[in-house]
Amino acid sequence: IIGAVEAMSAAGIKNKVTIGFDATPDAFQYMKEGKLNATI
């Protein structure tokens, strides 16, 4: 999902629901930055 978020960012795409799986520290950082909506 982080790769997908980066691809969307590079394409100028915003305001999409993004959800990952694993609850990793990297995912938490993306959540804090407002780039990721949730993780499992």
Full PDB file with SEQRES, HELIX, SHEET, SSBOND, CRYST1, ORIGX, SCALE, CONECT and MASTER records, all heavy atoms in Angstrom:
SEQRES   1 A   40  ILE ILE GLY ALA VAL GLU ALA MET SER ALA ALA GLY ILE          
SEQRES   2 A   40  LYS ASN LYS VAL THR ILE GLY PHE ASP ALA THR PRO ASP          
SEQRES   3 A   40  ALA PHE GLN TYR MET LYS GLU GLY LYS LEU ASN ALA THR          
SEQRES   4 A   40  ILE                                                          
HELIX    1 AA1 ILE A    2  ALA A   10  1                                   9    
HELIX    2 AA2 PRO A   25  LYS A   32  1                                   8    
CRYST1    1.000    1.000    1.000  90.00  90.00  90.00 P 1           1          
ORIGX1      1.000000  0.000000  0.000000        0.00000                         
ORIGX2      0.000000  1.000000  0.000000        0.00000                         
ORIGX3      0.000000  0.000000  1.000000        0.00000                         
SCALE1      1.000000  0.000000  0.000000        0.00000                         
SCALE2      0.000000  1.000000  0.000000        0.00000                         
SCALE3      0.000000  0.000000  1.000000        0.00000                         
ATOM      1  N   ILE A   1       0.833  -1.203   0.000  1.00  0.00           N  
ATOM      2  CA  ILE A   1       0.000   0.000   0.000  1.00  0.00           C  
ATOM      3  C   ILE A   1       0.868   1.253   0.000  1.00  0.00           C  
ATOM      4  O   ILE A   1       0.508   2.254  -0.615  1.00  0.00           O  
ATOM      5  CB  ILE A   1      -1.026  -0.003   1.156  1.00  0.00           C  
ATOM      6  CG1 ILE A   1      -2.119   1.047   0.882  1.00  0.00           C  
ATOM      7  CG2 ILE A   1      -0.381   0.261   2.484  1.00  0.00           C  
ATOM      8  CD1 ILE A   1      -2.940   0.822  -0.343  1.00  0.00           C  
ATOM      9  N   ILE A   2       2.009   1.204   0.651  1.00  0.00           N  
ATOM     10  CA  ILE A   2       2.909   2.361   0.615  1.00  0.00           C  
ATOM     11  C   ILE A   2       3.390   2.602  -0.808  1.00  0.00           C  
ATOM     12  O   ILE A   2       3.439   3.739  -1.273  1.00  0.00           O  
ATOM     13  CB  ILE A   2       4.070   2.171   1.619  1.00  0.00           C  
ATOM     14  CG1 ILE A   2       3.530   2.342   3.040  1.00  0.00           C  
ATOM     15  CG2 ILE A   2       5.207   3.147   1.322  1.00  0.00           C  
ATOM     16  CD1 ILE A   2       4.510   1.960   4.135  1.00  0.00           C  
ATOM     17  N   GLY A   3       3.712   1.541  -1.532  1.00  0.00           N  
ATOM     18  CA  GLY A   3       4.079   1.690  -2.939  1.00  0.00           C  
ATOM     19  C   GLY A   3       2.947   2.273  -3.756  1.00  0.00           C  
ATOM     20  O   GLY A   3       3.151   3.144  -4.615  1.00  0.00           O  
ATOM     21  N   ALA A   4       1.724   1.815  -3.484  1.00  0.00           N  
ATOM     22  CA  ALA A   4       0.560   2.347  -4.190  1.00  0.00           C  
ATOM     23  C   ALA A   4       0.340   3.816  -3.861  1.00  0.00           C  
ATOM     24  O   ALA A   4       0.045   4.629  -4.742  1.00  0.00           O  
ATOM     25  CB  ALA A   4      -0.685   1.530  -3.840  1.00  0.00           C  
ATOM     26  N   VAL A   5       0.504   4.177  -2.591  1.00  0.00           N  
ATOM     27  CA  VAL A   5       0.357   5.573  -2.178  1.00  0.00           C  
ATOM     28  C   VAL A   5       1.387   6.446  -2.888  1.00  0.00           C  
ATOM     29  O   VAL A   5       1.074   7.542  -3.370  1.00  0.00           O  
ATOM     30  CB  VAL A   5       0.480   5.704  -0.637  1.00  0.00           C  
ATOM     31  CG1 VAL A   5       0.676   7.149  -0.211  1.00  0.00           C  
ATOM     32  CG2 VAL A   5      -0.737   5.099   0.050  1.00  0.00           C  
ATOM     33  N   GLU A   6       2.604   5.960  -2.987  1.00  0.00           N  
ATOM     34  CA  GLU A   6       3.662   6.719  -3.676  1.00  0.00           C  
ATOM     35  C   GLU A   6       3.335   6.875  -5.168  1.00  0.00           C  
ATOM     36  O   GLU A   6       3.547   7.946  -5.740  1.00  0.00           O  
ATOM     37  CB  GLU A   6       5.019   6.050  -3.478  1.00  0.00           C  
ATOM     38  CG  GLU A   6       5.542   6.152  -2.054  1.00  0.00           C  
ATOM     39  CD  GLU A   6       5.741   7.587  -1.586  1.00  0.00           C  
ATOM     40  OE1 GLU A   6       6.191   8.438  -2.376  1.00  0.00           O  
ATOM     41  OE2 GLU A   6       5.434   7.864  -0.405  1.00  0.00           O  
ATOM     42  N   ALA A   7       2.828   5.821  -5.782  1.00  0.00           N  
ATOM     43  CA  ALA A   7       2.447   5.901  -7.203  1.00  0.00           C  
ATOM     44  C   ALA A   7       1.304   6.893  -7.395  1.00  0.00           C  
ATOM     45  O   ALA A   7       1.313   7.690  -8.351  1.00  0.00           O  
ATOM     46  CB  ALA A   7       2.050   4.524  -7.730  1.00  0.00           C  
ATOM     47  N   MET A   8       0.333   6.884  -6.494  1.00  0.00           N  
ATOM     48  CA  MET A   8      -0.773   7.833  -6.593  1.00  0.00           C  
ATOM     49  C   MET A   8      -0.279   9.255  -6.393  1.00  0.00           C  
ATOM     50  O   MET A   8      -0.687  10.175  -7.114  1.00  0.00           O  
ATOM     51  CB  MET A   8      -1.862   7.497  -5.567  1.00  0.00           C  
ATOM     52  CG  MET A   8      -2.629   6.238  -5.911  1.00  0.00           C  
ATOM     53  SD  MET A   8      -4.031   5.907  -4.810  1.00  0.00           S  
ATOM     54  CE  MET A   8      -3.225   5.607  -3.259  1.00  0.00           C  
ATOM     55  N   SER A   9       0.615   9.440  -5.451  1.00  0.00           N  
ATOM     56  CA  SER A   9       1.176  10.767  -5.204  1.00  0.00           C  
ATOM     57  C   SER A   9       1.922  11.283  -6.427  1.00  0.00           C  
ATOM     58  O   SER A   9       1.761  12.439  -6.831  1.00  0.00           O  
ATOM     59  CB  SER A   9       2.114  10.709  -3.993  1.00  0.00           C  
ATOM     60  OG  SER A   9       2.704  11.963  -3.758  1.00  0.00           O  
ATOM     61  N   ALA A  10       2.710  10.423  -7.048  1.00  0.00           N  
ATOM     62  CA  ALA A  10       3.463  10.812  -8.246  1.00  0.00           C  
ATOM     63  C   ALA A  10       2.531  11.174  -9.401  1.00  0.00           C  
ATOM     64  O   ALA A  10       2.863  12.023 -10.235  1.00  0.00           O  
ATOM     65  CB  ALA A  10       4.412   9.682  -8.662  1.00  0.00           C  
ATOM     66  N   ALA A  11       1.346  10.562  -9.420  1.00  0.00           N  
ATOM     67  CA  ALA A  11       0.368  10.839 -10.481  1.00  0.00           C  
ATOM     68  C   ALA A  11      -0.562  12.001 -10.108  1.00  0.00           C  
ATOM     69  O   ALA A  11      -1.467  12.337 -10.869  1.00  0.00           O  
ATOM     70  CB  ALA A  11      -0.456   9.584 -10.761  1.00  0.00           C  
ATOM     71  N   GLY A  12      -0.346  12.590  -8.926  1.00  0.00           N  
ATOM     72  CA  GLY A  12      -1.173  13.705  -8.504  1.00  0.00           C  
ATOM     73  C   GLY A  12      -2.555  13.308  -8.014  1.00  0.00           C  
ATOM     74  O   GLY A  12      -3.466  14.135  -7.962  1.00  0.00           O  
ATOM     75  N   ILE A  13      -2.724  12.057  -7.643  1.00  0.00           N  
ATOM     76  CA  ILE A  13      -4.022  11.555  -7.189  1.00  0.00           C  
ATOM     77  C   ILE A  13      -4.114  11.700  -5.673  1.00  0.00           C  
ATOM     78  O   ILE A  13      -3.232  11.268  -4.941  1.00  0.00           O  
ATOM     79  CB  ILE A  13      -4.214  10.088  -7.608  1.00  0.00           C  
ATOM     80  CG1 ILE A  13      -4.242   9.998  -9.127  1.00  0.00           C  
ATOM     81  CG2 ILE A  13      -5.470   9.500  -6.988  1.00  0.00           C  
ATOM     82  CD1 ILE A  13      -4.215   8.588  -9.657  1.00  0.00           C  
ATOM     83  N   LYS A  14      -5.216  12.313  -5.216  1.00  0.00           N  
ATOM     84  CA  LYS A  14      -5.434  12.525  -3.781  1.00  0.00           C  
ATOM     85  C   LYS A  14      -6.837  12.073  -3.414  1.00  0.00           C  
ATOM     86  O   LYS A  14      -7.664  11.792  -4.265  1.00  0.00           O  
ATOM     87  CB  LYS A  14      -5.289  14.010  -3.450  1.00  0.00           C  
ATOM     88  CG  LYS A  14      -3.926  14.579  -3.742  1.00  0.00           C  
ATOM     89  CD  LYS A  14      -3.886  16.070  -3.443  1.00  0.00           C  
ATOM     90  CE  LYS A  14      -2.525  16.618  -3.827  1.00  0.00           C  
ATOM     91  NZ  LYS A  14      -2.455  18.057  -3.616  1.00  0.00           N  
ATOM     92  N   ASN A  15      -7.095  12.028  -2.120  1.00  0.00           N  
ATOM     93  CA  ASN A  15      -8.428  11.759  -1.577  1.00  0.00           C  
ATOM     94  C   ASN A  15      -9.003  10.401  -1.974  1.00  0.00           C  
ATOM     95  O   ASN A  15     -10.182  10.289  -2.283  1.00  0.00           O  
ATOM     96  CB  ASN A  15      -9.399  12.872  -1.953  1.00  0.00           C  
ATOM     97  CG  ASN A  15      -8.928  14.218  -1.454  1.00  0.00           C  
ATOM     98  OD1 ASN A  15      -8.392  14.308  -0.353  1.00  0.00           O  
ATOM     99  ND2 ASN A  15      -9.103  15.243  -2.249  1.00  0.00           N  
ATOM    100  N   LYS A  16      -8.173   9.385  -1.981  1.00  0.00           N  
ATOM    101  CA  LYS A  16      -8.627   8.011  -2.179  1.00  0.00           C  
ATOM    102  C   LYS A  16      -8.472   7.265  -0.859  1.00  0.00           C  
ATOM    103  O   LYS A  16      -7.579   7.554  -0.065  1.00  0.00           O  
ATOM    104  CB  LYS A  16      -7.806   7.297  -3.263  1.00  0.00           C  
ATOM    105  CG  LYS A  16      -7.791   7.997  -4.607  1.00  0.00           C  
ATOM    106  CD  LYS A  16      -9.160   8.036  -5.238  1.00  0.00           C  
ATOM    107  CE  LYS A  16      -9.108   8.705  -6.604  1.00  0.00           C  
ATOM    108  NZ  LYS A  16     -10.389   8.769  -7.249  1.00  0.00           N  
ATOM    109  N   VAL A  17      -9.324   6.314  -0.607  1.00  0.00           N  
ATOM    110  CA  VAL A  17      -9.210   5.498   0.598  1.00  0.00           C  
ATOM    111  C   VAL A  17      -8.064   4.512   0.397  1.00  0.00           C  
ATOM    112  O   VAL A  17      -8.020   3.813  -0.620  1.00  0.00           O  
ATOM    113  CB  VAL A  17     -10.532   4.754   0.887  1.00  0.00           C  
ATOM    114  CG1 VAL A  17     -10.376   3.815   2.081  1.00  0.00           C  
ATOM    115  CG2 VAL A  17     -11.662   5.744   1.120  1.00  0.00           C  
ATOM    116  N   THR A  18      -7.155   4.465   1.362  1.00  0.00           N  
ATOM    117  CA  THR A  18      -6.004   3.568   1.269  1.00  0.00           C  
ATOM    118  C   THR A  18      -5.892   2.764   2.559  1.00  0.00           C  
ATOM    119  O   THR A  18      -5.910   3.318   3.651  1.00  0.00           O  
ATOM    120  CB  THR A  18      -4.702   4.362   1.036  1.00  0.00           C  
ATOM    121  OG1 THR A  18      -4.579   5.370   2.046  1.00  0.00           O  
ATOM    122  CG2 THR A  18      -4.698   5.010  -0.340  1.00  0.00           C  
ATOM    123  N   ILE A  19      -5.797   1.444   2.403  1.00  0.00           N  
ATOM    124  CA  ILE A  19      -5.736   0.555   3.564  1.00  0.00           C  
ATOM    125  C   ILE A  19      -4.657  -0.496   3.327  1.00  0.00           C  
ATOM    126  O   ILE A  19      -4.618  -1.140   2.280  1.00  0.00           O  
ATOM    127  CB  ILE A  19      -7.086  -0.143   3.809  1.00  0.00           C  
ATOM    128  CG1 ILE A  19      -8.187   0.911   4.009  1.00  0.00           C  
ATOM    129  CG2 ILE A  19      -6.997  -1.085   5.010  1.00  0.00           C  
ATOM    130  CD1 ILE A  19      -9.585   0.338   4.041  1.00  0.00           C  
ATOM    131  N   GLY A  20      -3.806  -0.668   4.317  1.00  0.00           N  
ATOM    132  CA  GLY A  20      -2.762  -1.683   4.262  1.00  0.00           C  
ATOM    133  C   GLY A  20      -3.071  -2.826   5.207  1.00  0.00           C  
ATOM    134  O   GLY A  20      -4.158  -2.915   5.782  1.00  0.00           O  
ATOM    135  N   PHE A  21      -2.088  -3.691   5.384  1.00  0.00           N  
ATOM    136  CA  PHE A  21      -2.263  -4.870   6.227  1.00  0.00           C  
ATOM    137  C   PHE A  21      -0.931  -5.209   6.866  1.00  0.00           C  
ATOM    138  O   PHE A  21       0.035  -5.451   6.149  1.00  0.00           O  
ATOM    139  CB  PHE A  21      -2.751  -6.044   5.364  1.00  0.00           C  
ATOM    140  CG  PHE A  21      -3.333  -7.178   6.152  1.00  0.00           C  
ATOM    141  CD1 PHE A  21      -4.695  -7.241   6.382  1.00  0.00           C  
ATOM    142  CD2 PHE A  21      -2.528  -8.171   6.671  1.00  0.00           C  
ATOM    143  CE1 PHE A  21      -5.246  -8.293   7.106  1.00  0.00           C  
ATOM    144  CE2 PHE A  21      -3.064  -9.221   7.398  1.00  0.00           C  
ATOM    145  CZ  PHE A  21      -4.427  -9.280   7.618  1.00  0.00           C  
ATOM    146  N   ASP A  22      -0.826  -5.174   8.144  1.00  0.00           N  
ATOM    147  CA  ASP A  22       0.324  -5.592   8.954  1.00  0.00           C  
ATOM    148  C   ASP A  22       0.602  -4.655  10.122  1.00  0.00           C  
ATOM    149  O   ASP A  22       1.304  -5.031  11.039  1.00  0.00           O  
ATOM    150  CB  ASP A  22       1.629  -5.772   8.168  1.00  0.00           C  
ATOM    151  CG  ASP A  22       1.646  -7.027   7.320  1.00  0.00           C  
ATOM    152  OD1 ASP A  22       0.906  -7.975   7.631  1.00  0.00           O  
ATOM    153  OD2 ASP A  22       2.404  -7.062   6.335  1.00  0.00           O  
ATOM    154  N   ALA A  23       0.109  -3.424  10.082  1.00  0.00           N  
ATOM    155  CA  ALA A  23       0.323  -2.463  11.172  1.00  0.00           C  
ATOM    156  C   ALA A  23       1.804  -2.260  11.466  1.00  0.00           C  
ATOM    157  O   ALA A  23       2.263  -2.376  12.597  1.00  0.00           O  
ATOM    158  CB  ALA A  23      -0.450  -2.882  12.423  1.00  0.00           C  
ATOM    159  N   THR A  24       2.556  -1.935  10.419  1.00  0.00           N  
ATOM    160  CA  THR A  24       3.995  -1.720  10.564  1.00  0.00           C  
ATOM    161  C   THR A  24       4.296  -0.277  10.963  1.00  0.00           C  
ATOM    162  O   THR A  24       3.480   0.628  10.744  1.00  0.00           O  
ATOM    163  CB  THR A  24       4.729  -2.018   9.244  1.00  0.00           C  
ATOM    164  OG1 THR A  24       4.277  -1.093   8.247  1.00  0.00           O  
ATOM    165  CG2 THR A  24       4.505  -3.451   8.788  1.00  0.00           C  
ATOM    166  N   PRO A  25       5.481  -0.042  11.514  1.00  0.00           N  
ATOM    167  CA  PRO A  25       5.868   1.337  11.839  1.00  0.00           C  
ATOM    168  C   PRO A  25       5.821   2.271  10.624  1.00  0.00           C  
ATOM    169  O   PRO A  25       5.428   3.437  10.754  1.00  0.00           O  
ATOM    170  CB  PRO A  25       7.297   1.189  12.371  1.00  0.00           C  
ATOM    171  CG  PRO A  25       7.328  -0.193  12.953  1.00  0.00           C  
ATOM    172  CD  PRO A  25       6.470  -1.010  12.009  1.00  0.00           C  
ATOM    173  N   ASP A  26       6.201   1.776   9.461  1.00  0.00           N  
ATOM    174  CA  ASP A  26       6.126   2.615   8.256  1.00  0.00           C  
ATOM    175  C   ASP A  26       4.688   3.020   7.959  1.00  0.00           C  
ATOM    176  O   ASP A  26       4.417   4.161   7.584  1.00  0.00           O  
ATOM    177  CB  ASP A  26       6.717   1.889   7.042  1.00  0.00           C  
ATOM    178  CG  ASP A  26       8.235   1.778   7.104  1.00  0.00           C  
ATOM    179  OD1 ASP A  26       8.863   2.540   7.858  1.00  0.00           O  
ATOM    180  OD2 ASP A  26       8.783   0.915   6.391  1.00  0.00           O  
ATOM    181  N   ALA A  27       3.765   2.089   8.117  1.00  0.00           N  
ATOM    182  CA  ALA A  27       2.352   2.403   7.891  1.00  0.00           C  
ATOM    183  C   ALA A  27       1.878   3.449   8.887  1.00  0.00           C  
ATOM    184  O   ALA A  27       1.164   4.391   8.525  1.00  0.00           O  
ATOM    185  CB  ALA A  27       1.499   1.141   7.993  1.00  0.00           C  
ATOM    186  N   PHE A  28       2.290   3.310  10.144  1.00  0.00           N  
ATOM    187  CA  PHE A  28       1.898   4.300  11.147  1.00  0.00           C  
ATOM    188  C   PHE A  28       2.426   5.682  10.787  1.00  0.00           C  
ATOM    189  O   PHE A  28       1.741   6.684  10.972  1.00  0.00           O  
ATOM    190  CB  PHE A  28       2.387   3.887  12.534  1.00  0.00           C  
ATOM    191  CG  PHE A  28       1.739   2.638  13.066  1.00  0.00           C  
ATOM    192  CD1 PHE A  28       2.422   1.804  13.920  1.00  0.00           C  
ATOM    193  CD2 PHE A  28       0.431   2.292  12.724  1.00  0.00           C  
ATOM    194  CE1 PHE A  28       1.829   0.661  14.438  1.00  0.00           C  
ATOM    195  CE2 PHE A  28      -0.174   1.146  13.225  1.00  0.00           C  
ATOM    196  CZ  PHE A  28       0.531   0.331  14.083  1.00  0.00           C  
ATOM    197  N   GLN A  29       3.637   5.735  10.256  1.00  0.00           N  
ATOM    198  CA  GLN A  29       4.190   7.027   9.859  1.00  0.00           C  
ATOM    199  C   GLN A  29       3.369   7.633   8.721  1.00  0.00           C  
ATOM    200  O   GLN A  29       3.061   8.827   8.734  1.00  0.00           O  
ATOM    201  CB  GLN A  29       5.663   6.890   9.449  1.00  0.00           C  
ATOM    202  CG  GLN A  29       6.327   8.209   9.137  1.00  0.00           C  
ATOM    203  CD  GLN A  29       6.306   9.173  10.315  1.00  0.00           C  
ATOM    204  OE1 GLN A  29       6.543   8.789  11.458  1.00  0.00           O  
ATOM    205  NE2 GLN A  29       6.003  10.438  10.049  1.00  0.00           N  
ATOM    206  N   TYR A  30       2.999   6.832   7.749  1.00  0.00           N  
ATOM    207  CA  TYR A  30       2.161   7.321   6.647  1.00  0.00           C  
ATOM    208  C   TYR A  30       0.797   7.780   7.162  1.00  0.00           C  
ATOM    209  O   TYR A  30       0.242   8.755   6.666  1.00  0.00           O  
ATOM    210  CB  TYR A  30       2.002   6.242   5.571  1.00  0.00           C  
ATOM    211  CG  TYR A  30       3.073   6.308   4.513  1.00  0.00           C  
ATOM    212  CD1 TYR A  30       4.408   6.060   4.813  1.00  0.00           C  
ATOM    213  CD2 TYR A  30       2.764   6.639   3.201  1.00  0.00           C  
ATOM    214  CE1 TYR A  30       5.394   6.139   3.851  1.00  0.00           C  
ATOM    215  CE2 TYR A  30       3.740   6.708   2.220  1.00  0.00           C  
ATOM    216  CZ  TYR A  30       5.058   6.466   2.560  1.00  0.00           C  
ATOM    217  OH  TYR A  30       6.050   6.556   1.593  1.00  0.00           O  
ATOM    218  N   MET A  31       0.274   7.089   8.157  1.00  0.00           N  
ATOM    219  CA  MET A  31      -0.996   7.504   8.749  1.00  0.00           C  
ATOM    220  C   MET A  31      -0.839   8.864   9.429  1.00  0.00           C  
ATOM    221  O   MET A  31      -1.686   9.746   9.276  1.00  0.00           O  
ATOM    222  CB  MET A  31      -1.497   6.448   9.734  1.00  0.00           C  
ATOM    223  CG  MET A  31      -1.944   5.157   9.050  1.00  0.00           C  
ATOM    224  SD  MET A  31      -2.275   3.819  10.208  1.00  0.00           S  
ATOM    225  CE  MET A  31      -3.828   4.371  10.900  1.00  0.00           C  
ATOM    226  N   LYS A  32       0.250   9.043  10.175  1.00  0.00           N  
ATOM    227  CA  LYS A  32       0.500  10.315  10.850  1.00  0.00           C  
ATOM    228  C   LYS A  32       0.626  11.461   9.849  1.00  0.00           C  
ATOM    229  O   LYS A  32       0.243  12.589  10.134  1.00  0.00           O  
ATOM    230  CB  LYS A  32       1.761  10.221  11.704  1.00  0.00           C  
ATOM    231  CG  LYS A  32       1.592   9.378  12.944  1.00  0.00           C  
ATOM    232  CD  LYS A  32       2.901   9.243  13.703  1.00  0.00           C  
ATOM    233  CE  LYS A  32       2.728   8.326  14.902  1.00  0.00           C  
ATOM    234  NZ  LYS A  32       4.006   8.065  15.593  1.00  0.00           N  
ATOM    235  N   GLU A  33       1.177  11.156   8.675  1.00  0.00           N  
ATOM    236  CA  GLU A  33       1.351  12.165   7.629  1.00  0.00           C  
ATOM    237  C   GLU A  33       0.086  12.363   6.796  1.00  0.00           C  
ATOM    238  O   GLU A  33       0.076  13.172   5.870  1.00  0.00           O  
ATOM    239  CB  GLU A  33       2.519  11.766   6.722  1.00  0.00           C  
ATOM    240  CG  GLU A  33       3.865  11.764   7.439  1.00  0.00           C  
ATOM    241  CD  GLU A  33       4.986  11.163   6.605  1.00  0.00           C  
ATOM    242  OE1 GLU A  33       4.769  10.835   5.416  1.00  0.00           O  
ATOM    243  OE2 GLU A  33       6.094  11.002   7.159  1.00  0.00           O  
ATOM    244  N   GLY A  34      -0.966  11.602   7.095  1.00  0.00           N  
ATOM    245  CA  GLY A  34      -2.220  11.731   6.356  1.00  0.00           C  
ATOM    246  C   GLY A  34      -2.208  11.071   4.992  1.00  0.00           C  
ATOM    247  O   GLY A  34      -3.066  11.341   4.158  1.00  0.00           O  
ATOM    248  N   LYS A  35      -1.267  10.174   4.758  1.00  0.00           N  
ATOM    249  CA  LYS A  35      -1.139   9.510   3.457  1.00  0.00           C  
ATOM    250  C   LYS A  35      -1.816   8.138   3.412  1.00  0.00           C  
ATOM    251  O   LYS A  35      -2.009   7.580   2.339  1.00  0.00           O  
ATOM    252  CB  LYS A  35       0.337   9.324   3.105  1.00  0.00           C  
ATOM    253  CG  LYS A  35       1.109  10.607   2.938  1.00  0.00           C  
ATOM    254  CD  LYS A  35       2.567  10.287   2.645  1.00  0.00           C  
ATOM    255  CE  LYS A  35       3.406  11.515   2.507  1.00  0.00           C  
ATOM    256  NZ  LYS A  35       4.828  11.167   2.269  1.00  0.00           N  
ATOM    257  N   LEU A  36      -2.143   7.585   4.580  1.00  0.00           N  
ATOM    258  CA  LEU A  36      -2.730   6.252   4.672  1.00  0.00           C  
ATOM    259  C   LEU A  36      -3.901   6.313   5.644  1.00  0.00           C  
ATOM    260  O   LEU A  36      -3.779   6.883   6.730  1.00  0.00           O  
ATOM    261  CB  LEU A  36      -1.682   5.244   5.163  1.00  0.00           C  
ATOM    262  CG  LEU A  36      -2.080   3.788   5.262  1.00  0.00           C  
ATOM    263  CD1 LEU A  36      -2.447   3.211   3.893  1.00  0.00           C  
ATOM    264  CD2 LEU A  36      -0.956   2.965   5.885  1.00  0.00           C  
ATOM    265  N   ASN A  37      -5.037   5.752   5.240  1.00  0.00           N  
ATOM    266  CA  ASN A  37      -6.233   5.815   6.079  1.00  0.00           C  
ATOM    267  C   ASN A  37      -6.263   4.773   7.183  1.00  0.00           C  
ATOM    268  O   ASN A  37      -6.764   5.040   8.276  1.00  0.00           O  
ATOM    269  CB  ASN A  37      -7.497   5.663   5.230  1.00  0.00           C  
ATOM    270  CG  ASN A  37      -7.636   6.788   4.244  1.00  0.00           C  
ATOM    271  OD1 ASN A  37      -7.408   6.598   3.053  1.00  0.00           O  
ATOM    272  ND2 ASN A  37      -7.982   7.978   4.717  1.00  0.00           N  
ATOM    273  N   ALA A  38      -5.758   3.574   6.907  1.00  0.00           N  
ATOM    274  CA  ALA A  38      -5.842   2.509   7.906  1.00  0.00           C  
ATOM    275  C   ALA A  38      -4.889   1.381   7.548  1.00  0.00           C  
ATOM    276  O   ALA A  38      -4.398   1.283   6.420  1.00  0.00           O  
ATOM    277  CB  ALA A  38      -7.266   1.965   7.979  1.00  0.00           C  
ATOM    278  N   THR A  39      -4.658   0.541   8.537  1.00  0.00           N  
ATOM    279  CA  THR A  39      -3.931  -0.700   8.342  1.00  0.00           C  
ATOM    280  C   THR A  39      -4.613  -1.743   9.233  1.00  0.00           C  
ATOM    281  O   THR A  39      -5.384  -1.395  10.117  1.00  0.00           O  
ATOM    282  CB  THR A  39      -2.427  -0.553   8.665  1.00  0.00           C  
ATOM    283  OG1 THR A  39      -1.747  -1.776   8.361  1.00  0.00           O  
ATOM    284  CG2 THR A  39      -2.189  -0.190  10.117  1.00  0.00           C  
ATOM    285  N   ILE A  40      -4.350  -2.985   8.978  1.00  0.00           N  
ATOM    286  CA  ILE A  40      -4.960  -4.063   9.742  1.00  0.00           C  
ATOM    287  C   ILE A  40      -3.875  -4.729  10.576  1.00  0.00           C  
ATOM    288  O   ILE A  40      -2.846  -5.141  10.045  1.00  0.00           O  
ATOM    289  CB  ILE A  40      -5.613  -5.117   8.815  1.00  0.00           C  
ATOM    290  CG1 ILE A  40      -6.572  -4.471   7.824  1.00  0.00           C  
ATOM    291  CG2 ILE A  40      -6.290  -6.206   9.634  1.00  0.00           C  
ATOM    292  CD1 ILE A  40      -7.754  -3.759   8.415  1.00  0.00           C  
TER     293      ILE A  40                                                      
MASTER        0    0    0    2    0    0    0    6  292    1    0    4          
END                                                                             
